[in-house]
Structure formats: C-alpha cells, structure tokens
C-alpha atoms as a PDB file:
ATOM      1  CA  UNK A   1     -23.886  27.662 -23.490  1.00  0.00           C
ATOM      2  CA  UNK A   2     -23.042  31.465 -23.585  1.00  0.00           C
ATOM      3  CA  UNK A   3     -20.425  30.867 -20.258  1.00  0.00           C
ATOM      4  CA  UNK A   4     -18.736  27.913 -22.389  1.00  0.00           C
ATOM      5  CA  UNK A   5     -18.640  29.843 -25.507  1.00  0.00           C
ATOM      6  CA  UNK A   6     -17.303  33.039 -23.506  1.00  0.00           C
ATOM      7  CA  UNK A   7     -14.928  30.665 -21.506  1.00  0.00           C
ATOM      8  CA  UNK A   8     -13.525  29.044 -25.153  1.00  0.00           C
ATOM      9  CA  UNK A   9     -12.990  32.557 -26.571  1.00  0.00           C
ATOM     10  CA  UNK A  10     -11.100  33.469 -23.162  1.00  0.00           C
ATOM     11  CA  UNK A  11      -8.899  30.278 -23.581  1.00  0.00           C
ATOM     12  CA  UNK A  12      -5.466  31.949 -25.863  1.00  0.00           C
ATOM     13  CA  UNK A  13      -5.252  34.894 -23.379  1.00  0.00           C
ATOM     14  CA  UNK A  14      -5.594  32.636 -20.563  1.00  0.00           C
ATOM     15  CA  UNK A  15      -2.837  30.439 -21.937  1.00  0.00           C
ATOM     16  CA  UNK A  16      -1.028  33.472 -22.114  1.00  0.00           C
ATOM     17  CA  UNK A  17      -1.370  34.915 -18.674  1.00  0.00           C
ATOM     18  CA  UNK A  18      -0.453  31.371 -17.424  1.00  0.00           C
ATOM     19  CA  UNK A  19       3.207  31.154 -19.389  1.00  0.00           C
ATOM     20  CA  UNK A  20       4.274  34.585 -18.340  1.00  0.00           C
ATOM     21  CA  UNK A  21       3.662  33.816 -15.514  1.00  0.00           C
ATOM     22  CA  UNK A  22       5.842  30.412 -14.979  1.00  0.00           C
ATOM     23  CA  UNK A  23       8.620  32.232 -16.698  1.00  0.00           C
ATOM     24  CA  UNK A  24       7.943  35.012 -14.119  1.00  0.00           C
ATOM     25  CA  UNK A  25       8.227  32.363 -11.008  1.00  0.00           C
ATOM     26  CA  UNK A  26      10.759  30.335 -12.321  1.00  0.00           C
ATOM     27  CA  UNK A  27      12.714  33.453 -12.323  1.00  0.00           C
ATOM     28  CA  UNK A  28      11.836  33.910  -8.764  1.00  0.00           C
ATOM     29  CA  UNK A  29      12.057  29.826  -7.998  1.00  0.00           C
ATOM     30  CA  UNK A  30      15.613  30.548  -9.069  1.00  0.00           C
ATOM     31  CA  UNK A  31      16.768  33.190  -6.566  1.00  0.00           C
ATOM     32  CA  UNK A  32      16.224  31.372  -3.879  1.00  0.00           C
ATOM     33  CA  UNK A  33      20.009  29.824  -1.925  1.00  0.00           C
ATOM     34  CA  UNK A  34      17.733  27.299   0.293  1.00  0.00           C
ATOM     35  CA  UNK A  35      18.378  23.610  -1.111  1.00  0.00           C
ATOM     36  CA  UNK A  36      15.300  22.627   0.614  1.00  0.00           C
ATOM     37  CA  UNK A  37      13.490  24.645  -1.239  1.00  0.00           C
ATOM     38  CA  UNK A  38      15.122  23.523  -4.438  1.00  0.00           C
ATOM     39  CA  UNK A  39      14.898  20.506  -3.892  1.00  0.00           C
ATOM     40  CA  UNK A  40      10.985  20.299  -2.891  1.00  0.00           C
ATOM     41  CA  UNK A  41      10.476  22.196  -5.945  1.00  0.00           C
ATOM     42  CA  UNK A  42      12.425  19.495  -7.949  1.00  0.00           C
ATOM     43  CA  UNK A  43      10.228  16.521  -6.258  1.00  0.00           C
ATOM     44  CA  UNK A  44       6.818  18.856  -7.087  1.00  0.00           C
ATOM     45  CA  UNK A  45       7.962  19.302 -10.840  1.00  0.00           C
ATOM     46  CA  UNK A  46       9.108  16.170 -11.638  1.00  0.00           C
ATOM     47  CA  UNK A  47       5.937  14.378  -9.796  1.00  0.00           C
ATOM     48  CA  UNK A  48       3.497  17.379 -12.302  1.00  0.00           C
ATOM     49  CA  UNK A  49       4.974  16.148 -14.987  1.00  0.00           C
ATOM     50  CA  UNK A  50       4.910  12.054 -14.142  1.00  0.00           C
ATOM     51  CA  UNK A  51       8.320  11.684 -14.171  1.00  0.00           C
ATOM     52  CA  UNK A  52       8.242  10.709 -10.377  1.00  0.00           C
ATOM     53  CA  UNK A  53       5.641   8.255  -9.113  1.00  0.00           C
ATOM     54  CA  UNK A  54       3.248   9.181  -6.411  1.00  0.00           C
ATOM     55  CA  UNK A  55       4.478   6.391  -3.932  1.00  0.00           C
ATOM     56  CA  UNK A  56       8.050   8.100  -4.341  1.00  0.00           C
ATOM     57  CA  UNK A  57       6.092  11.492  -3.903  1.00  0.00           C
ATOM     58  CA  UNK A  58       4.814  11.069  -0.804  1.00  0.00           C
ATOM     59  CA  UNK A  59       7.436   9.159   0.824  1.00  0.00           C
ATOM     60  CA  UNK A  60       9.523  12.348  -0.247  1.00  0.00           C
ATOM     61  CA  UNK A  61       7.270  14.588   1.467  1.00  0.00           C
ATOM     62  CA  UNK A  62       7.247  12.241   4.587  1.00  0.00           C
ATOM     63  CA  UNK A  63      10.611  12.621   5.223  1.00  0.00           C
ATOM     64  CA  UNK A  64      10.246  16.661   5.013  1.00  0.00           C
ATOM     65  CA  UNK A  65       7.133  16.756   7.312  1.00  0.00           C
ATOM     66  CA  UNK A  66       6.042  13.379   8.676  1.00  0.00           C
ATOM     67  CA  UNK A  67       2.017  12.758   7.878  1.00  0.00           C
ATOM     68  CA  UNK A  68       0.082  13.350  11.278  1.00  0.00           C
ATOM     69  CA  UNK A  69      -2.998  12.521  10.159  1.00  0.00           C
ATOM     70  CA  UNK A  70      -4.228   8.570  10.387  1.00  0.00           C
ATOM     71  CA  UNK A  71      -5.293   9.126   6.615  1.00  0.00           C
ATOM     72  CA  UNK A  72      -1.540  10.523   5.334  1.00  0.00           C
ATOM     73  CA  UNK A  73      -0.162   7.667   7.543  1.00  0.00           C
ATOM     74  CA  UNK A  74      -2.076   5.369   5.602  1.00  0.00           C
ATOM     75  CA  UNK A  75      -1.104   6.771   2.540  1.00  0.00           C
ATOM     76  CA  UNK A  76       2.707   6.767   3.404  1.00  0.00           C
ATOM     77  CA  UNK A  77       2.117   2.994   4.458  1.00  0.00           C
ATOM     78  CA  UNK A  78       0.727   1.972   1.156  1.00  0.00           C
ATOM     79  CA  UNK A  79       3.252   3.924  -0.368  1.00  0.00           C
ATOM     80  CA  UNK A  80       6.059   2.063   0.934  1.00  0.00           C
ATOM     81  CA  UNK A  81       4.347  -1.173   0.027  1.00  0.00           C
ATOM     82  CA  UNK A  82       3.741  -0.481  -3.253  1.00  0.00           C
ATOM     83  CA  UNK A  83       7.664   0.155  -3.579  1.00  0.00           C
ATOM     84  CA  UNK A  84       8.312  -3.229  -2.993  1.00  0.00           C
ATOM     85  CA  UNK A  85       6.056  -4.748  -5.068  1.00  0.00           C
ATOM     86  CA  UNK A  86       7.713  -6.369  -8.032  1.00  0.00           C
ATOM     87  CA  UNK A  87       5.377  -6.071 -10.630  1.00  0.00           C
ATOM     88  CA  UNK A  88       7.360  -8.370 -13.459  1.00  0.00           C
ATOM     89  CA  UNK A  89       6.731 -11.078 -11.055  1.00  0.00           C
ATOM     90  CA  UNK A  90       3.355 -10.301 -10.455  1.00  0.00           C
ATOM     91  CA  UNK A  91       2.516  -9.891 -14.247  1.00  0.00           C
ATOM     92  CA  UNK A  92       4.430 -13.614 -14.671  1.00  0.00           C
ATOM     93  CA  UNK A  93       2.569 -15.075 -11.665  1.00  0.00           C
ATOM     94  CA  UNK A  94      -1.136 -13.762 -13.443  1.00  0.00           C
ATOM     95  CA  UNK A  95       0.077 -14.829 -16.370  1.00  0.00           C
ATOM     96  CA  UNK A  96       0.548 -18.696 -15.484  1.00  0.00           C
ATOM     97  CA  UNK A  97      -2.994 -18.475 -13.170  1.00  0.00           C
ATOM     98  CA  UNK A  98      -4.225 -17.587 -16.179  1.00  0.00           C
ATOM     99  CA  UNK A  99      -3.247 -20.112 -18.562  1.00  0.00           C
ATOM    100  CA  UNK A 100      -4.076 -23.196 -16.025  1.00  0.00           C
ATOM    101  CA  UNK A 101      -7.514 -21.992 -15.590  1.00  0.00           C
ATOM    102  CA  UNK A 102      -8.005 -21.234 -19.153  1.00  0.00           C
ATOM    103  CA  UNK A 103      -6.548 -24.532 -20.073  1.00  0.00           C
ATOM    104  CA  UNK A 104      -8.832 -26.107 -17.333  1.00  0.00           C
ATOM    105  CA  UNK A 105     -12.219 -24.573 -19.154  1.00  0.00           C
ATOM    106  CA  UNK A 106     -14.463 -26.112 -21.410  1.00  0.00           C
ATOM    107  CA  UNK A 107     -14.631 -23.985 -25.112  1.00  0.00           C
ATOM    108  CA  UNK A 108     -18.195 -23.064 -24.234  1.00  0.00           C
ATOM    109  CA  UNK A 109     -16.794 -21.162 -20.982  1.00  0.00           C
ATOM    110  CA  UNK A 110     -14.483 -18.582 -22.225  1.00  0.00           C
ATOM    111  CA  UNK A 111     -15.768 -15.505 -23.318  1.00  0.00           C
ATOM    112  CA  UNK A 112     -13.370 -13.056 -25.150  1.00  0.00           C
END
C-alpha cells in the first residue's frame, strides 16, 4: 500500500516528464529527412491513437519487413482475411438468423 501511495504522489511529476520527453521527441522526429521513417512514425502514431486498425498496421509492417516467423505470418494472414470481411453484411445475416431462430422457439425458451 505504501508503494501505491508513493506512486500516486509522483504521478504529476511523471506526467510532466513524459510531456517534456514527447515534445523533445517530436522535435527530433521532424529533423529527419527519411520519408520511410516519417511514414513508419505516422503509421505507428495512427495505430497508437486508435485511428489505424490493427490489421492495417500489421499489413503495413509486413510491407516494410516481411514477417519471418510462422506466428507473425499467421498474424499477417489473419489481418488480410479480416480485411475482406464485410461486417455490415455479417451483422445483417446474424440478425436474420436470430429472427428465424426466435420465431421457431417457444416463449418459455427465450430468455433475455
């Protein structure tokens, strides 16, 4: 409990340090002339901010450096498959299926 209280007390200082570090890092990033680095950083930032979905980020990373391990290859393959799914169609089909199931059930079998 003591460590938790001490950690909470240091939170404002840690936030300030992190903010200063992020400002310095942003300035350093702007000094590079490498378009590849700028693109990588933009993709990473978009992913971290929730603006770039994981499958898109994985596919981008694979385009930069091909996944070398079987586990990473599976992740890339899953990302590619996920990118082909029409989620609105899936939701529509799911709703139709549920409607048909409920229509054929007894009232006592339906629990909400």
